[in-house]
Amino acid sequence: MTYKKEWRTGKTSAQRGYNYKWRKERAKWLKKHPLCVYCMDQNIISPAVVVDHIKPHNGDKSLFWSRDNWQSLCKLHHNSTKQREERTCKKRIITGLDGYPIINYE
């Protein structure tokens, strides 16, 4: 996973793709996936308010619109845990109750 900020320098959120079309799709996604996936990994029920791109799209429109690359997050996890993962380029590994990894997000 590569973290690149340069692609968005000097662009408005609408120019980066977060426009009316995105807001409509975001609302539909959150209606269907209303809980934060990071909280659920910790057996916590928390409403999601952000549709996050699992793998940073860095301006790639096909990756931006790929629903396979979307996840629902609460504001706390989006603004802390996820940002730290992107800065450090570390992959998130989820473990089952038995302690073995079950999902590897890139």
N, C-alpha and C. Protein backbone atom coordinates (compact mmCIF):
# COMPACT_ATOMS: atom_id res chain seq x y z
N MET A 1 0.86 -1.16 0.00
CA MET A 1 0.00 0.00 0.00
C MET A 1 0.90 1.22 0.00
N THR A 2 0.65 2.16 -0.88
CA THR A 2 1.43 3.37 -0.98
C THR A 2 0.59 4.56 -0.57
N TYR A 3 1.17 5.42 0.23
CA TYR A 3 0.47 6.61 0.68
C TYR A 3 1.04 7.80 -0.08
N LYS A 4 0.23 8.41 -0.94
CA LYS A 4 0.66 9.55 -1.74
C LYS A 4 -0.32 10.69 -1.56
N LYS A 5 0.18 11.82 -1.11
CA LYS A 5 -0.67 13.00 -0.95
C LYS A 5 -0.61 13.90 -2.17
N GLU A 6 0.45 13.81 -2.96
CA GLU A 6 0.67 14.75 -4.05
C GLU A 6 -0.49 14.83 -5.04
N TRP A 7 -1.15 13.74 -5.29
CA TRP A 7 -2.21 13.72 -6.30
C TRP A 7 -3.35 14.68 -5.96
N ARG A 8 -3.51 15.02 -4.69
CA ARG A 8 -4.64 15.88 -4.32
C ARG A 8 -4.25 17.33 -4.03
N THR A 9 -2.99 17.64 -4.09
CA THR A 9 -2.52 19.00 -3.80
C THR A 9 -3.19 20.02 -4.71
N GLY A 10 -3.76 21.04 -4.11
CA GLY A 10 -4.38 22.13 -4.86
C GLY A 10 -5.74 21.82 -5.45
N LYS A 11 -6.30 20.66 -5.16
CA LYS A 11 -7.61 20.29 -5.70
C LYS A 11 -8.67 20.38 -4.62
N THR A 12 -9.87 20.78 -5.02
CA THR A 12 -10.99 20.78 -4.09
C THR A 12 -11.47 19.34 -3.90
N SER A 13 -12.29 19.13 -2.89
CA SER A 13 -12.82 17.78 -2.68
C SER A 13 -13.64 17.33 -3.89
N ALA A 14 -14.39 18.23 -4.50
CA ALA A 14 -15.19 17.89 -5.69
C ALA A 14 -14.26 17.50 -6.85
N GLN A 15 -13.14 18.20 -7.01
CA GLN A 15 -12.19 17.86 -8.07
C GLN A 15 -11.53 16.51 -7.82
N ARG A 16 -11.47 16.10 -6.56
CA ARG A 16 -10.89 14.79 -6.21
C ARG A 16 -11.93 13.67 -6.33
N GLY A 17 -13.18 14.01 -6.68
CA GLY A 17 -14.20 12.99 -6.88
C GLY A 17 -15.29 12.96 -5.84
N TYR A 18 -15.14 13.73 -4.77
CA TYR A 18 -16.13 13.73 -3.69
C TYR A 18 -17.20 14.77 -3.99
N ASN A 19 -18.00 14.48 -5.00
CA ASN A 19 -19.02 15.38 -5.50
C ASN A 19 -20.41 14.84 -5.18
N TYR A 20 -21.43 15.38 -5.86
CA TYR A 20 -22.81 14.95 -5.63
C TYR A 20 -22.99 13.45 -5.89
N LYS A 21 -22.40 12.96 -6.97
CA LYS A 21 -22.51 11.52 -7.28
C LYS A 21 -21.93 10.69 -6.13
N TRP A 22 -20.77 11.10 -5.61
CA TRP A 22 -20.15 10.38 -4.49
C TRP A 22 -21.06 10.43 -3.26
N ARG A 23 -21.61 11.60 -2.95
CA ARG A 23 -22.45 11.72 -1.76
C ARG A 23 -23.67 10.82 -1.84
N LYS A 24 -24.25 10.67 -3.04
CA LYS A 24 -25.39 9.76 -3.21
C LYS A 24 -24.96 8.31 -2.96
N GLU A 25 -23.83 7.91 -3.56
CA GLU A 25 -23.35 6.53 -3.40
C GLU A 25 -22.92 6.26 -1.96
N ARG A 26 -22.32 7.25 -1.33
CA ARG A 26 -21.91 7.14 0.07
C ARG A 26 -23.13 6.88 0.95
N ALA A 27 -24.19 7.64 0.73
CA ALA A 27 -25.41 7.47 1.53
C ALA A 27 -26.00 6.08 1.34
N LYS A 28 -26.02 5.60 0.09
CA LYS A 28 -26.54 4.24 -0.17
C LYS A 28 -25.68 3.20 0.53
N TRP A 29 -24.36 3.36 0.45
CA TRP A 29 -23.43 2.40 1.07
C TRP A 29 -23.64 2.36 2.59
N LEU A 30 -23.71 3.53 3.22
CA LEU A 30 -23.85 3.57 4.67
C LEU A 30 -25.21 3.04 5.13
N LYS A 31 -26.22 3.17 4.29
CA LYS A 31 -27.53 2.60 4.63
C LYS A 31 -27.44 1.07 4.64
N LYS A 32 -26.68 0.52 3.69
CA LYS A 32 -26.55 -0.94 3.59
C LYS A 32 -25.49 -1.49 4.55
N HIS A 33 -24.48 -0.67 4.88
CA HIS A 33 -23.36 -1.08 5.75
C HIS A 33 -23.20 -0.04 6.86
N PRO A 34 -24.12 -0.02 7.83
CA PRO A 34 -24.18 1.08 8.80
C PRO A 34 -23.17 1.03 9.96
N LEU A 35 -22.42 -0.04 10.11
CA LEU A 35 -21.54 -0.18 11.27
C LEU A 35 -20.06 -0.12 10.88
N CYS A 36 -19.25 0.44 11.78
CA CYS A 36 -17.81 0.54 11.58
C CYS A 36 -17.18 -0.85 11.61
N VAL A 37 -16.45 -1.20 10.55
CA VAL A 37 -15.85 -2.54 10.49
C VAL A 37 -14.70 -2.69 11.49
N TYR A 38 -13.98 -1.62 11.79
CA TYR A 38 -12.90 -1.70 12.77
C TYR A 38 -13.48 -1.93 14.16
N CYS A 39 -14.57 -1.24 14.49
CA CYS A 39 -15.23 -1.45 15.79
C CYS A 39 -15.75 -2.89 15.90
N MET A 40 -16.37 -3.38 14.83
CA MET A 40 -16.91 -4.74 14.86
C MET A 40 -15.80 -5.76 15.09
N ASP A 41 -14.59 -5.49 14.57
CA ASP A 41 -13.47 -6.39 14.80
C ASP A 41 -13.13 -6.49 16.29
N GLN A 42 -13.53 -5.47 17.04
CA GLN A 42 -13.27 -5.43 18.48
C GLN A 42 -14.53 -5.74 19.29
N ASN A 43 -15.54 -6.29 18.60
CA ASN A 43 -16.84 -6.62 19.21
C ASN A 43 -17.52 -5.40 19.81
N ILE A 44 -17.38 -4.26 19.12
CA ILE A 44 -18.03 -3.02 19.52
C ILE A 44 -19.01 -2.63 18.41
N ILE A 45 -20.19 -2.20 18.79
CA ILE A 45 -21.18 -1.74 17.81
C ILE A 45 -21.11 -0.22 17.78
N SER A 46 -20.72 0.32 16.62
CA SER A 46 -20.60 1.77 16.48
C SER A 46 -21.04 2.17 15.08
N PRO A 47 -21.84 3.22 14.97
CA PRO A 47 -22.29 3.64 13.64
C PRO A 47 -21.14 4.19 12.80
N ALA A 48 -21.17 3.86 11.53
CA ALA A 48 -20.19 4.37 10.59
C ALA A 48 -20.69 5.68 10.01
N VAL A 49 -19.77 6.60 9.77
CA VAL A 49 -20.12 7.87 9.14
C VAL A 49 -19.25 8.15 7.92
N VAL A 50 -18.25 7.30 7.70
CA VAL A 50 -17.31 7.49 6.59
C VAL A 50 -17.28 6.25 5.72
N VAL A 51 -17.31 6.45 4.40
CA VAL A 51 -17.02 5.37 3.47
C VAL A 51 -15.56 5.53 3.09
N ASP A 52 -14.76 4.61 3.55
CA ASP A 52 -13.31 4.67 3.39
C ASP A 52 -12.86 3.80 2.23
N HIS A 53 -11.83 4.23 1.55
CA HIS A 53 -11.20 3.41 0.51
C HIS A 53 -10.14 2.55 1.20
N ILE A 54 -10.34 1.24 1.17
CA ILE A 54 -9.43 0.31 1.85
C ILE A 54 -8.01 0.52 1.35
N LYS A 55 -7.85 0.48 0.04
CA LYS A 55 -6.57 0.77 -0.57
C LYS A 55 -6.67 2.20 -1.10
N PRO A 56 -5.76 3.10 -0.70
CA PRO A 56 -5.84 4.48 -1.19
C PRO A 56 -5.88 4.52 -2.72
N HIS A 57 -6.83 5.29 -3.26
CA HIS A 57 -6.99 5.32 -4.71
C HIS A 57 -6.01 6.25 -5.40
N ASN A 58 -5.47 7.24 -4.68
CA ASN A 58 -4.48 8.17 -5.23
C ASN A 58 -4.90 8.75 -6.58
N GLY A 59 -6.19 9.03 -6.72
CA GLY A 59 -6.70 9.63 -7.94
C GLY A 59 -7.13 8.66 -9.02
N ASP A 60 -6.92 7.37 -8.82
CA ASP A 60 -7.32 6.34 -9.79
C ASP A 60 -8.84 6.17 -9.69
N LYS A 61 -9.55 6.64 -10.71
CA LYS A 61 -11.02 6.63 -10.69
C LYS A 61 -11.61 5.22 -10.60
N SER A 62 -10.99 4.24 -11.25
CA SER A 62 -11.55 2.88 -11.17
C SER A 62 -11.42 2.33 -9.75
N LEU A 63 -10.34 2.62 -9.07
CA LEU A 63 -10.17 2.20 -7.68
C LEU A 63 -11.08 3.01 -6.77
N PHE A 64 -11.25 4.29 -7.08
CA PHE A 64 -12.13 5.17 -6.31
C PHE A 64 -13.55 4.62 -6.29
N TRP A 65 -14.07 4.19 -7.45
CA TRP A 65 -15.46 3.75 -7.56
C TRP A 65 -15.65 2.25 -7.31
N SER A 66 -14.60 1.51 -7.10
CA SER A 66 -14.72 0.07 -6.86
C SER A 66 -15.29 -0.19 -5.47
N ARG A 67 -16.49 -0.73 -5.42
CA ARG A 67 -17.11 -1.01 -4.13
C ARG A 67 -16.37 -2.11 -3.36
N ASP A 68 -15.59 -2.90 -4.05
CA ASP A 68 -14.75 -3.90 -3.37
C ASP A 68 -13.67 -3.20 -2.55
N ASN A 69 -13.44 -1.93 -2.80
CA ASN A 69 -12.42 -1.16 -2.11
C ASN A 69 -13.03 -0.22 -1.06
N TRP A 70 -14.29 -0.37 -0.76
CA TRP A 70 -14.96 0.48 0.22
C TRP A 70 -15.19 -0.26 1.53
N GLN A 71 -15.13 0.49 2.62
CA GLN A 71 -15.50 -0.05 3.93
C GLN A 71 -16.10 1.09 4.75
N SER A 72 -16.96 0.73 5.68
CA SER A 72 -17.61 1.70 6.55
C SER A 72 -16.79 1.85 7.82
N LEU A 73 -16.51 3.12 8.18
CA LEU A 73 -15.75 3.39 9.39
C LEU A 73 -16.41 4.49 10.21
N CYS A 74 -16.19 4.44 11.51
CA CYS A 74 -16.59 5.55 12.37
C CYS A 74 -15.54 6.65 12.19
N LYS A 75 -15.88 7.84 12.62
CA LYS A 75 -14.95 8.96 12.45
C LYS A 75 -13.64 8.73 13.20
N LEU A 76 -13.71 8.19 14.41
CA LEU A 76 -12.51 7.95 15.20
C LEU A 76 -11.53 7.02 14.47
N HIS A 77 -12.03 5.89 13.98
CA HIS A 77 -11.14 4.96 13.29
C HIS A 77 -10.63 5.52 11.97
N HIS A 78 -11.47 6.24 11.25
CA HIS A 78 -11.02 6.82 9.98
C HIS A 78 -9.92 7.85 10.22
N ASN A 79 -10.10 8.68 11.24
CA ASN A 79 -9.16 9.78 11.46
C ASN A 79 -7.93 9.40 12.28
N SER A 80 -7.91 8.20 12.83
CA SER A 80 -6.74 7.80 13.62
C SER A 80 -6.13 6.51 13.09
N THR A 81 -6.75 5.41 13.38
CA THR A 81 -6.20 4.10 13.03
C THR A 81 -5.91 3.97 11.54
N LYS A 82 -6.88 4.31 10.70
CA LYS A 82 -6.71 4.15 9.24
C LYS A 82 -5.62 5.08 8.72
N GLN A 83 -5.58 6.31 9.20
CA GLN A 83 -4.56 7.26 8.74
C GLN A 83 -3.16 6.78 9.13
N ARG A 84 -3.03 6.24 10.33
CA ARG A 84 -1.74 5.71 10.79
C ARG A 84 -1.32 4.52 9.93
N GLU A 85 -2.27 3.64 9.59
CA GLU A 85 -1.95 2.50 8.72
C GLU A 85 -1.44 2.99 7.37
N GLU A 86 -2.06 4.01 6.82
CA GLU A 86 -1.64 4.51 5.50
C GLU A 86 -0.27 5.17 5.57
N ARG A 87 -0.02 5.94 6.63
CA ARG A 87 1.28 6.61 6.77
C ARG A 87 2.41 5.61 6.94
N THR A 88 2.16 4.54 7.69
CA THR A 88 3.21 3.57 7.97
C THR A 88 3.24 2.41 6.97
N CYS A 89 2.27 2.40 6.03
CA CYS A 89 2.18 1.35 5.00
C CYS A 89 2.07 -0.05 5.62
N LYS A 90 1.43 -0.15 6.77
CA LYS A 90 1.25 -1.45 7.41
C LYS A 90 -0.11 -2.02 7.04
N LYS A 91 -0.15 -3.30 6.78
CA LYS A 91 -1.39 -3.99 6.46
C LYS A 91 -2.12 -4.34 7.75
N ARG A 92 -3.42 -4.34 7.66
CA ARG A 92 -4.27 -4.68 8.79
C ARG A 92 -4.63 -6.16 8.71
N ILE A 93 -4.35 -6.89 9.76
CA ILE A 93 -4.68 -8.31 9.80
C ILE A 93 -5.71 -8.53 10.89
N ILE A 94 -6.81 -9.14 10.51
CA ILE A 94 -7.89 -9.44 11.45
C ILE A 94 -7.74 -10.89 11.89
N THR A 95 -7.93 -11.12 13.18
CA THR A 95 -7.83 -12.48 13.68
C THR A 95 -9.20 -12.94 14.18
N GLY A 96 -9.42 -14.23 14.06
CA GLY A 96 -10.65 -14.83 14.57
C GLY A 96 -10.53 -15.07 16.06
N LEU A 97 -11.59 -15.59 16.66
CA LEU A 97 -11.57 -15.87 18.09
C LEU A 97 -10.50 -16.88 18.47
N ASP A 98 -10.10 -17.71 17.48
CA ASP A 98 -9.06 -18.70 17.75
C ASP A 98 -7.65 -18.11 17.64
N GLY A 99 -7.55 -16.83 17.26
CA GLY A 99 -6.25 -16.18 17.16
C GLY A 99 -5.60 -16.28 15.79
N TYR A 100 -6.19 -17.01 14.87
CA TYR A 100 -5.63 -17.14 13.53
C TYR A 100 -6.14 -16.03 12.62
N PRO A 101 -5.29 -15.54 11.69
CA PRO A 101 -5.74 -14.50 10.78
C PRO A 101 -6.85 -14.99 9.87
N ILE A 102 -7.84 -14.10 9.65
CA ILE A 102 -8.93 -14.49 8.75
C ILE A 102 -9.06 -13.54 7.56
N ILE A 103 -8.64 -12.28 7.71
CA ILE A 103 -8.76 -11.31 6.62
C ILE A 103 -7.49 -10.47 6.60
N ASN A 104 -7.02 -10.18 5.41
CA ASN A 104 -5.86 -9.30 5.28
C ASN A 104 -6.24 -8.17 4.32
N TYR A 105 -6.42 -6.97 4.85
CA TYR A 105 -6.75 -5.82 4.02
C TYR A 105 -5.46 -5.19 3.52
N GLU A 106 -5.45 -4.81 2.26
CA GLU A 106 -4.28 -4.11 1.72
C GLU A 106 -4.64 -2.68 1.47
